[in-house]
Amino acid sequence: MRCYHTGHHELRDPDIRVGRTNADFGQGFYLSPSDAFAGKWVREQKDLEAFVNTYELDLSGLMVLRLQRDAGWFDYIFRNRTGLSDRCGEYDVIVGPIANDTIYNTFGVFTSGLLPKEQVLSLLQIGPSFEQIVIKTDRAHDQLRWLKVSTKCRHLEHQK
């Protein structure tokens, strides 16, 4: 599986334990199956160039959980984003849709209790779906191979 990660430096050996524990799929190293979409994750910083790191992930022998934008996905994201224990900690890799952060964070719609879960899920299903790949275990990390880095980030070029 070809995967991409964008940041401000070359990243040959990512640490799966660095980063937010309350992200969509909990702690891990987040990648995209699309180099163009990976460019949307980087934040512009003055005097720093954006790099797209390209990897290959061998899924042989790994436990992979594939999620769809449905109630199970919603529950998993809700648990992780609210700091509850990761119910899918036995999986090496999780592949699934990215939650729409704009809706998720607006007025605390997920965590406020103002809307029922069914209504929040229907809001999160609006618009296109983009996938993310999360490396959760050392075993999966060992099967992730860095291929190259590109110094051009198409997403940022289009913003200028």
N, C-alpha and C. Protein backbone atom coordinates (compact mmCIF):
# COMPACT_ATOMS: atom_id res chain seq x y z
N MET A 1 0.85 -1.16 0.00
CA MET A 1 0.00 0.00 0.00
C MET A 1 0.90 1.23 0.00
N ARG A 2 0.70 2.14 -0.92
CA ARG A 2 1.45 3.40 -0.98
C ARG A 2 0.77 4.41 -0.05
N CYS A 3 1.57 5.13 0.75
CA CYS A 3 1.05 6.07 1.74
C CYS A 3 1.89 7.34 1.74
N TYR A 4 1.28 8.43 2.21
CA TYR A 4 1.95 9.74 2.20
C TYR A 4 1.74 10.46 3.52
N HIS A 5 2.75 11.23 3.90
CA HIS A 5 2.67 12.06 5.10
C HIS A 5 3.37 13.38 4.79
N THR A 6 2.74 14.48 5.14
CA THR A 6 3.31 15.79 4.85
C THR A 6 3.69 16.48 6.14
N GLY A 7 4.84 17.14 6.11
CA GLY A 7 5.32 17.89 7.26
C GLY A 7 6.41 18.85 6.82
N HIS A 8 7.17 19.33 7.77
CA HIS A 8 8.20 20.32 7.47
C HIS A 8 9.61 19.73 7.48
N HIS A 9 9.70 18.40 7.41
CA HIS A 9 11.01 17.76 7.33
C HIS A 9 10.86 16.34 6.77
N GLU A 10 11.96 15.80 6.35
CA GLU A 10 12.00 14.41 5.90
C GLU A 10 11.77 13.53 7.12
N LEU A 11 10.95 12.51 6.98
CA LEU A 11 10.61 11.67 8.12
C LEU A 11 10.76 10.20 7.72
N ARG A 12 11.99 9.70 7.85
CA ARG A 12 12.28 8.32 7.44
C ARG A 12 11.80 7.29 8.45
N ASP A 13 11.84 7.63 9.73
CA ASP A 13 11.50 6.66 10.78
C ASP A 13 10.52 7.31 11.76
N PRO A 14 9.24 7.33 11.41
CA PRO A 14 8.26 8.01 12.28
C PRO A 14 8.06 7.28 13.61
N ASP A 15 7.74 8.05 14.61
CA ASP A 15 7.44 7.51 15.94
C ASP A 15 5.93 7.39 16.07
N ILE A 16 5.43 6.18 16.25
CA ILE A 16 3.98 5.98 16.33
C ILE A 16 3.40 6.45 17.66
N ARG A 17 4.25 6.81 18.61
CA ARG A 17 3.77 7.24 19.93
C ARG A 17 3.78 8.76 20.11
N VAL A 18 4.13 9.49 19.06
CA VAL A 18 4.14 10.95 19.12
C VAL A 18 2.86 11.45 18.49
N GLY A 19 2.28 12.46 19.07
CA GLY A 19 1.07 13.03 18.50
C GLY A 19 -0.11 12.92 19.43
N ARG A 20 -1.22 13.39 18.93
CA ARG A 20 -2.45 13.44 19.73
C ARG A 20 -3.00 12.06 20.03
N THR A 21 -3.36 11.83 21.28
CA THR A 21 -4.03 10.58 21.63
C THR A 21 -5.52 10.69 21.33
N ASN A 22 -6.04 11.92 21.19
CA ASN A 22 -7.47 12.11 20.97
C ASN A 22 -7.79 12.38 19.50
N ALA A 23 -6.98 11.87 18.59
CA ALA A 23 -7.27 11.99 17.17
C ALA A 23 -8.33 10.95 16.79
N ASP A 24 -8.79 10.99 15.55
CA ASP A 24 -9.88 10.11 15.10
C ASP A 24 -9.70 8.66 15.52
N PHE A 25 -8.54 8.09 15.23
CA PHE A 25 -8.31 6.67 15.50
C PHE A 25 -7.30 6.47 16.63
N GLY A 26 -7.19 7.45 17.51
CA GLY A 26 -6.29 7.35 18.65
C GLY A 26 -4.84 7.56 18.26
N GLN A 27 -3.97 7.26 19.18
CA GLN A 27 -2.53 7.48 18.96
C GLN A 27 -2.01 6.58 17.85
N GLY A 28 -1.10 7.13 17.06
CA GLY A 28 -0.48 6.39 15.97
C GLY A 28 0.11 7.35 14.96
N PHE A 29 0.67 6.81 13.90
CA PHE A 29 1.24 7.63 12.83
C PHE A 29 0.22 7.68 11.70
N TYR A 30 -0.24 8.89 11.39
CA TYR A 30 -1.31 9.10 10.42
C TYR A 30 -0.74 9.37 9.03
N LEU A 31 -1.31 8.67 8.06
CA LEU A 31 -0.90 8.78 6.66
C LEU A 31 -2.14 8.93 5.80
N SER A 32 -1.92 9.24 4.54
CA SER A 32 -3.00 9.32 3.57
C SER A 32 -2.66 8.42 2.38
N PRO A 33 -3.67 7.79 1.76
CA PRO A 33 -3.40 7.03 0.54
C PRO A 33 -3.27 7.95 -0.68
N SER A 34 -3.47 9.26 -0.49
CA SER A 34 -3.41 10.25 -1.58
C SER A 34 -2.35 11.30 -1.29
N ASP A 35 -1.38 11.46 -2.19
CA ASP A 35 -0.35 12.48 -1.96
C ASP A 35 -0.95 13.88 -2.02
N ALA A 36 -1.93 14.10 -2.89
CA ALA A 36 -2.58 15.41 -2.98
C ALA A 36 -3.32 15.74 -1.69
N PHE A 37 -4.02 14.76 -1.13
CA PHE A 37 -4.76 15.02 0.10
C PHE A 37 -3.81 15.17 1.29
N ALA A 38 -2.72 14.43 1.30
CA ALA A 38 -1.75 14.54 2.41
C ALA A 38 -1.27 15.98 2.55
N GLY A 39 -1.17 16.69 1.44
CA GLY A 39 -0.73 18.09 1.47
C GLY A 39 -1.67 19.00 2.22
N LYS A 40 -2.92 18.59 2.39
CA LYS A 40 -3.89 19.42 3.12
C LYS A 40 -3.66 19.36 4.62
N TRP A 41 -2.90 18.38 5.09
CA TRP A 41 -2.68 18.23 6.53
C TRP A 41 -1.60 19.16 7.07
N VAL A 42 -0.73 19.64 6.21
CA VAL A 42 0.38 20.44 6.70
C VAL A 42 -0.07 21.88 6.95
N ARG A 43 0.43 22.47 8.00
CA ARG A 43 0.14 23.87 8.30
C ARG A 43 1.26 24.73 7.75
N GLU A 44 0.90 25.78 7.06
CA GLU A 44 1.92 26.68 6.54
C GLU A 44 2.64 27.36 7.69
N GLN A 45 3.95 27.40 7.59
CA GLN A 45 4.76 28.11 8.57
C GLN A 45 5.78 28.94 7.81
N LYS A 46 5.91 30.17 8.22
CA LYS A 46 6.82 31.09 7.55
C LYS A 46 8.22 30.50 7.50
N ASP A 47 8.83 30.59 6.34
CA ASP A 47 10.21 30.16 6.09
C ASP A 47 10.41 28.65 6.22
N LEU A 48 9.35 27.87 6.25
CA LEU A 48 9.48 26.42 6.27
C LEU A 48 8.81 25.83 5.04
N GLU A 49 9.53 24.97 4.37
CA GLU A 49 9.00 24.31 3.18
C GLU A 49 8.24 23.06 3.60
N ALA A 50 7.22 22.70 2.85
CA ALA A 50 6.45 21.48 3.13
C ALA A 50 7.02 20.32 2.33
N PHE A 51 7.18 19.18 2.99
CA PHE A 51 7.71 17.98 2.36
C PHE A 51 6.64 16.89 2.36
N VAL A 52 6.54 16.16 1.28
CA VAL A 52 5.67 15.00 1.21
C VAL A 52 6.56 13.76 1.26
N ASN A 53 6.44 13.00 2.35
CA ASN A 53 7.17 11.75 2.49
C ASN A 53 6.32 10.63 1.92
N THR A 54 6.94 9.77 1.12
CA THR A 54 6.24 8.65 0.50
C THR A 54 6.73 7.35 1.14
N TYR A 55 5.77 6.49 1.47
CA TYR A 55 6.06 5.22 2.13
C TYR A 55 5.36 4.08 1.39
N GLU A 56 5.81 2.89 1.70
CA GLU A 56 5.13 1.68 1.26
C GLU A 56 4.86 0.86 2.51
N LEU A 57 3.62 0.43 2.67
CA LEU A 57 3.24 -0.36 3.83
C LEU A 57 2.87 -1.77 3.37
N ASP A 58 3.59 -2.76 3.88
CA ASP A 58 3.30 -4.15 3.59
C ASP A 58 2.29 -4.63 4.64
N LEU A 59 1.09 -4.95 4.20
CA LEU A 59 0.03 -5.35 5.12
C LEU A 59 0.05 -6.85 5.46
N SER A 60 0.98 -7.60 4.88
CA SER A 60 1.06 -9.04 5.11
C SER A 60 1.18 -9.35 6.60
N GLY A 61 0.28 -10.20 7.09
CA GLY A 61 0.34 -10.65 8.47
C GLY A 61 -0.14 -9.63 9.50
N LEU A 62 -0.56 -8.46 9.06
CA LEU A 62 -1.03 -7.43 10.00
C LEU A 62 -2.54 -7.51 10.18
N MET A 63 -2.99 -7.16 11.37
CA MET A 63 -4.44 -7.04 11.62
C MET A 63 -4.85 -5.63 11.19
N VAL A 64 -5.71 -5.58 10.17
CA VAL A 64 -6.14 -4.30 9.59
C VAL A 64 -7.64 -4.15 9.81
N LEU A 65 -8.02 -3.03 10.38
CA LEU A 65 -9.43 -2.70 10.56
C LEU A 65 -9.79 -1.65 9.51
N ARG A 66 -10.79 -1.94 8.69
CA ARG A 66 -11.27 -0.99 7.68
C ARG A 66 -12.64 -0.50 8.11
N LEU A 67 -12.74 0.80 8.26
CA LEU A 67 -13.98 1.43 8.72
C LEU A 67 -14.69 2.17 7.59
N GLN A 68 -16.00 2.28 7.70
CA GLN A 68 -16.83 3.06 6.79
C GLN A 68 -17.49 4.17 7.61
N ARG A 69 -18.03 5.19 6.95
CA ARG A 69 -18.73 6.27 7.67
C ARG A 69 -20.09 5.74 8.13
N ASP A 70 -20.09 5.05 9.26
CA ASP A 70 -21.32 4.49 9.81
C ASP A 70 -21.28 4.63 11.33
N ALA A 71 -22.23 4.03 12.01
CA ALA A 71 -22.35 4.18 13.46
C ALA A 71 -21.12 3.63 14.20
N GLY A 72 -20.54 2.52 13.73
CA GLY A 72 -19.35 1.96 14.38
C GLY A 72 -18.16 2.91 14.28
N TRP A 73 -17.98 3.51 13.11
CA TRP A 73 -16.92 4.51 12.89
C TRP A 73 -17.14 5.70 13.81
N PHE A 74 -18.37 6.19 13.84
CA PHE A 74 -18.71 7.34 14.68
C PHE A 74 -18.39 7.06 16.15
N ASP A 75 -18.80 5.89 16.63
CA ASP A 75 -18.56 5.54 18.02
C ASP A 75 -17.06 5.47 18.32
N TYR A 76 -16.30 4.90 17.40
CA TYR A 76 -14.85 4.78 17.60
C TYR A 76 -14.21 6.17 17.66
N ILE A 77 -14.57 7.05 16.76
CA ILE A 77 -14.04 8.41 16.76
C ILE A 77 -14.45 9.15 18.03
N PHE A 78 -15.72 9.04 18.39
CA PHE A 78 -16.22 9.71 19.59
C PHE A 78 -15.42 9.28 20.82
N ARG A 79 -15.20 7.99 20.97
CA ARG A 79 -14.45 7.47 22.13
C ARG A 79 -13.03 8.03 22.14
N ASN A 80 -12.36 8.01 20.98
CA ASN A 80 -10.98 8.49 20.93
C ASN A 80 -10.89 9.99 21.16
N ARG A 81 -11.79 10.74 20.56
CA ARG A 81 -11.72 12.20 20.69
C ARG A 81 -12.15 12.69 22.07
N THR A 82 -12.81 11.87 22.83
CA THR A 82 -13.20 12.28 24.18
C THR A 82 -12.32 11.62 25.25
N GLY A 83 -11.23 10.96 24.82
CA GLY A 83 -10.27 10.43 25.78
C GLY A 83 -10.62 9.10 26.40
N LEU A 84 -11.59 8.39 25.84
CA LEU A 84 -11.93 7.06 26.37
C LEU A 84 -10.93 6.03 25.84
N SER A 85 -10.92 4.85 26.42
CA SER A 85 -9.95 3.83 26.00
C SER A 85 -10.19 3.41 24.55
N ASP A 86 -9.10 3.05 23.88
CA ASP A 86 -9.14 2.64 22.48
C ASP A 86 -9.65 1.20 22.40
N ARG A 87 -10.86 1.02 21.90
CA ARG A 87 -11.47 -0.30 21.81
C ARG A 87 -10.83 -1.19 20.74
N CYS A 88 -10.08 -0.59 19.85
CA CYS A 88 -9.51 -1.35 18.73
C CYS A 88 -7.99 -1.42 18.84
N GLY A 89 -7.48 -1.43 20.06
CA GLY A 89 -6.05 -1.42 20.30
C GLY A 89 -5.32 -2.65 19.81
N GLU A 90 -6.05 -3.74 19.51
CA GLU A 90 -5.39 -4.95 19.03
C GLU A 90 -5.04 -4.89 17.55
N TYR A 91 -5.56 -3.91 16.83
CA TYR A 91 -5.28 -3.78 15.40
C TYR A 91 -3.94 -3.08 15.17
N ASP A 92 -3.23 -3.54 14.13
CA ASP A 92 -1.95 -2.95 13.77
C ASP A 92 -2.13 -1.69 12.93
N VAL A 93 -3.14 -1.71 12.06
CA VAL A 93 -3.41 -0.62 11.12
C VAL A 93 -4.91 -0.39 11.08
N ILE A 94 -5.29 0.89 11.05
CA ILE A 94 -6.70 1.23 10.86
C ILE A 94 -6.79 2.13 9.64
N VAL A 95 -7.73 1.79 8.75
CA VAL A 95 -7.97 2.55 7.53
C VAL A 95 -9.43 2.97 7.55
N GLY A 96 -9.66 4.26 7.35
CA GLY A 96 -11.05 4.70 7.34
C GLY A 96 -11.18 6.18 7.09
N PRO A 97 -12.42 6.64 7.03
CA PRO A 97 -12.68 8.05 6.72
C PRO A 97 -12.20 8.99 7.81
N ILE A 98 -11.85 10.18 7.36
CA ILE A 98 -11.49 11.26 8.26
C ILE A 98 -12.77 11.95 8.69
N ALA A 99 -12.90 12.26 9.98
CA ALA A 99 -14.07 13.00 10.45
C ALA A 99 -13.97 14.44 9.94
N ASN A 100 -15.09 15.03 9.67
CA ASN A 100 -15.13 16.43 9.22
C ASN A 100 -14.89 17.31 10.43
N ASP A 101 -13.66 17.80 10.60
CA ASP A 101 -13.29 18.58 11.79
C ASP A 101 -14.14 19.83 11.96
N THR A 102 -14.54 20.45 10.87
CA THR A 102 -15.33 21.68 10.98
C THR A 102 -16.63 21.40 11.71
N ILE A 103 -17.32 20.35 11.31
CA ILE A 103 -18.58 20.00 11.98
C ILE A 103 -18.30 19.43 13.36
N TYR A 104 -17.28 18.60 13.46
CA TYR A 104 -16.97 17.96 14.74
C TYR A 104 -16.73 19.01 15.82
N ASN A 105 -15.96 20.03 15.50
CA ASN A 105 -15.57 21.01 16.51
C ASN A 105 -16.53 22.17 16.68
N THR A 106 -17.40 22.42 15.71
CA THR A 106 -18.31 23.56 15.79
C THR A 106 -19.25 23.42 16.99
N PHE A 107 -19.19 24.37 17.87
CA PHE A 107 -20.07 24.44 19.04
C PHE A 107 -20.02 23.17 19.90
N GLY A 108 -18.94 22.42 19.83
CA GLY A 108 -18.83 21.19 20.61
C GLY A 108 -19.92 20.20 20.27
N VAL A 109 -20.30 20.16 18.99
CA VAL A 109 -21.46 19.37 18.58
C VAL A 109 -21.35 17.90 18.96
N PHE A 110 -20.18 17.34 18.97
CA PHE A 110 -20.01 15.93 19.32
C PHE A 110 -20.22 15.70 20.81
N THR A 111 -19.61 16.53 21.60
CA THR A 111 -19.53 16.25 23.03
C THR A 111 -20.54 17.01 23.88
N SER A 112 -21.25 17.96 23.30
CA SER A 112 -22.16 18.79 24.09
C SER A 112 -23.41 18.07 24.54
N GLY A 113 -23.84 17.07 23.77
CA GLY A 113 -25.09 16.39 24.08
C GLY A 113 -26.31 17.14 23.57
N LEU A 114 -26.09 18.29 22.90
CA LEU A 114 -27.22 19.06 22.37
C LEU A 114 -27.93 18.33 21.23
N LEU A 115 -27.16 17.53 20.48
CA LEU A 115 -27.74 16.77 19.38
C LEU A 115 -27.61 15.28 19.68
N PRO A 116 -28.61 14.50 19.29
CA PRO A 116 -28.46 13.05 19.46
C PRO A 116 -27.38 12.51 18.53
N LYS A 117 -26.77 11.38 18.91
CA LYS A 117 -25.68 10.80 18.14
C LYS A 117 -26.07 10.56 16.68
N GLU A 118 -27.30 10.14 16.43
CA GLU A 118 -27.75 9.87 15.07
C GLU A 118 -27.67 11.13 14.22
N GLN A 119 -28.03 12.27 14.80
CA GLN A 119 -27.99 13.53 14.06
C GLN A 119 -26.55 13.98 13.81
N VAL A 120 -25.69 13.80 14.79
CA VAL A 120 -24.28 14.14 14.61
C VAL A 120 -23.67 13.27 13.51
N LEU A 121 -23.97 11.97 13.51
CA LEU A 121 -23.47 11.07 12.47
C LEU A 121 -23.94 11.53 11.10
N SER A 122 -25.20 11.93 10.98
CA SER A 122 -25.70 12.38 9.67
C SER A 122 -24.97 13.64 9.22
N LEU A 123 -24.60 14.53 10.15
CA LEU A 123 -23.82 15.72 9.79
C LEU A 123 -22.41 15.35 9.33
N LEU A 124 -21.81 14.37 10.00
CA LEU A 124 -20.46 13.95 9.64
C LEU A 124 -20.42 13.23 8.30
N GLN A 125 -21.56 12.79 7.80
CA GLN A 125 -21.62 12.09 6.52
C GLN A 125 -21.81 13.05 5.34
N ILE A 126 -21.90 14.33 5.61
CA ILE A 126 -22.07 15.31 4.54
C ILE A 126 -20.74 15.51 3.82
N GLY A 127 -20.81 15.61 2.51
CA GLY A 127 -19.61 15.92 1.72
C GLY A 127 -18.80 14.70 1.38
N PRO A 128 -17.69 14.94 0.69
CA PRO A 128 -16.84 13.83 0.25
C PRO A 128 -16.16 13.16 1.43
N SER A 129 -15.77 11.92 1.20
CA SER A 129 -15.08 11.15 2.23
C SER A 129 -13.63 10.96 1.83
N PHE A 130 -12.72 11.30 2.72
CA PHE A 130 -11.30 11.12 2.49
C PHE A 130 -10.77 10.13 3.51
N GLU A 131 -9.91 9.23 3.07
CA GLU A 131 -9.40 8.19 3.95
C GLU A 131 -8.10 8.58 4.63
N GLN A 132 -7.88 7.95 5.78
CA GLN A 132 -6.61 8.05 6.49
C GLN A 132 -6.18 6.63 6.85
N ILE A 133 -4.89 6.48 7.01
CA ILE A 133 -4.29 5.21 7.40
C ILE A 133 -3.51 5.49 8.68
N VAL A 134 -3.72 4.68 9.69
CA VAL A 134 -3.03 4.90 10.96
C VAL A 134 -2.23 3.66 11.34
N ILE A 135 -0.94 3.87 11.53
CA ILE A 135 -0.03 2.82 11.99
C ILE A 135 -0.09 2.84 13.51
N LYS A 136 -0.57 1.75 14.11
CA LYS A 136 -0.81 1.73 15.55
C LYS A 136 0.22 0.93 16.36
N THR A 137 0.90 -0.03 15.72
CA THR A 137 1.77 -0.93 16.48
C THR A 137 3.20 -0.94 15.93
N ASP A 138 4.11 -1.41 16.77
CA ASP A 138 5.50 -1.57 16.33
C ASP A 138 5.58 -2.56 15.18
N ARG A 139 4.75 -3.58 15.21
CA ARG A 139 4.75 -4.57 14.13
C ARG A 139 4.43 -3.92 12.79
N ALA A 140 3.43 -3.04 12.76
CA ALA A 140 3.09 -2.33 11.52
C ALA A 140 4.19 -1.34 11.16
N HIS A 141 4.74 -0.66 12.16
CA HIS A 141 5.84 0.28 11.91
C HIS A 141 7.01 -0.42 11.23
N ASP A 142 7.30 -1.64 11.65
CA ASP A 142 8.40 -2.41 11.07
C ASP A 142 8.14 -2.76 9.60
N GLN A 143 6.89 -2.72 9.18
CA GLN A 143 6.53 -3.05 7.80
C GLN A 143 6.27 -1.79 6.96
N LEU A 144 6.57 -0.63 7.53
CA LEU A 144 6.44 0.63 6.81
C LEU A 144 7.83 1.01 6.29
N ARG A 145 7.94 1.17 4.99
CA ARG A 145 9.23 1.48 4.37
C ARG A 145 9.17 2.86 3.73
N TRP A 146 10.08 3.74 4.16
CA TRP A 146 10.19 5.08 3.58
C TRP A 146 10.78 4.93 2.18
N LEU A 147 10.18 5.61 1.19
CA LEU A 147 10.66 5.52 -0.19
C LEU A 147 11.37 6.79 -0.64
N LYS A 148 10.76 7.95 -0.39
CA LYS A 148 11.34 9.20 -0.86
C LYS A 148 10.64 10.38 -0.21
N VAL A 149 11.23 11.54 -0.42
CA VAL A 149 10.62 12.79 0.02
C VAL A 149 10.56 13.72 -1.18
N SER A 150 9.47 14.43 -1.31
CA SER A 150 9.32 15.45 -2.35
C SER A 150 9.27 16.80 -1.67
N THR A 151 9.95 17.77 -2.23
CA THR A 151 9.98 19.09 -1.60
C THR A 151 8.87 20.00 -2.09
N LYS A 152 8.06 19.53 -3.00
CA LYS A 152 6.93 20.33 -3.49
C LYS A 152 5.65 19.78 -2.91
N CYS A 153 4.87 20.63 -2.35
CA CYS A 153 3.58 20.25 -1.80
C CYS A 153 2.52 20.94 -2.64
N ARG A 154 1.84 20.17 -3.49
CA ARG A 154 0.88 20.75 -4.44
C ARG A 154 -0.21 21.57 -3.76
N HIS A 155 -0.67 21.12 -2.61
CA HIS A 155 -1.76 21.84 -1.92
C HIS A 155 -1.33 23.27 -1.59
N LEU A 156 -0.14 23.46 -1.06
CA LEU A 156 0.32 24.79 -0.68
C LEU A 156 0.61 25.65 -1.91
N GLU A 157 1.06 25.03 -3.00
CA GLU A 157 1.32 25.79 -4.22
C GLU A 157 0.03 26.41 -4.74
N HIS A 158 -1.08 25.69 -4.62
CA HIS A 158 -2.36 26.20 -5.11
C HIS A 158 -2.91 27.32 -4.22
N GLN A 159 -2.50 27.38 -2.96
CA GLN A 159 -2.99 28.41 -2.05
C GLN A 159 -2.38 29.77 -2.34
N LYS A 160 -1.20 29.79 -2.94
CA LYS A 160 -0.48 31.05 -3.12
C LYS A 160 -0.96 31.80 -4.33
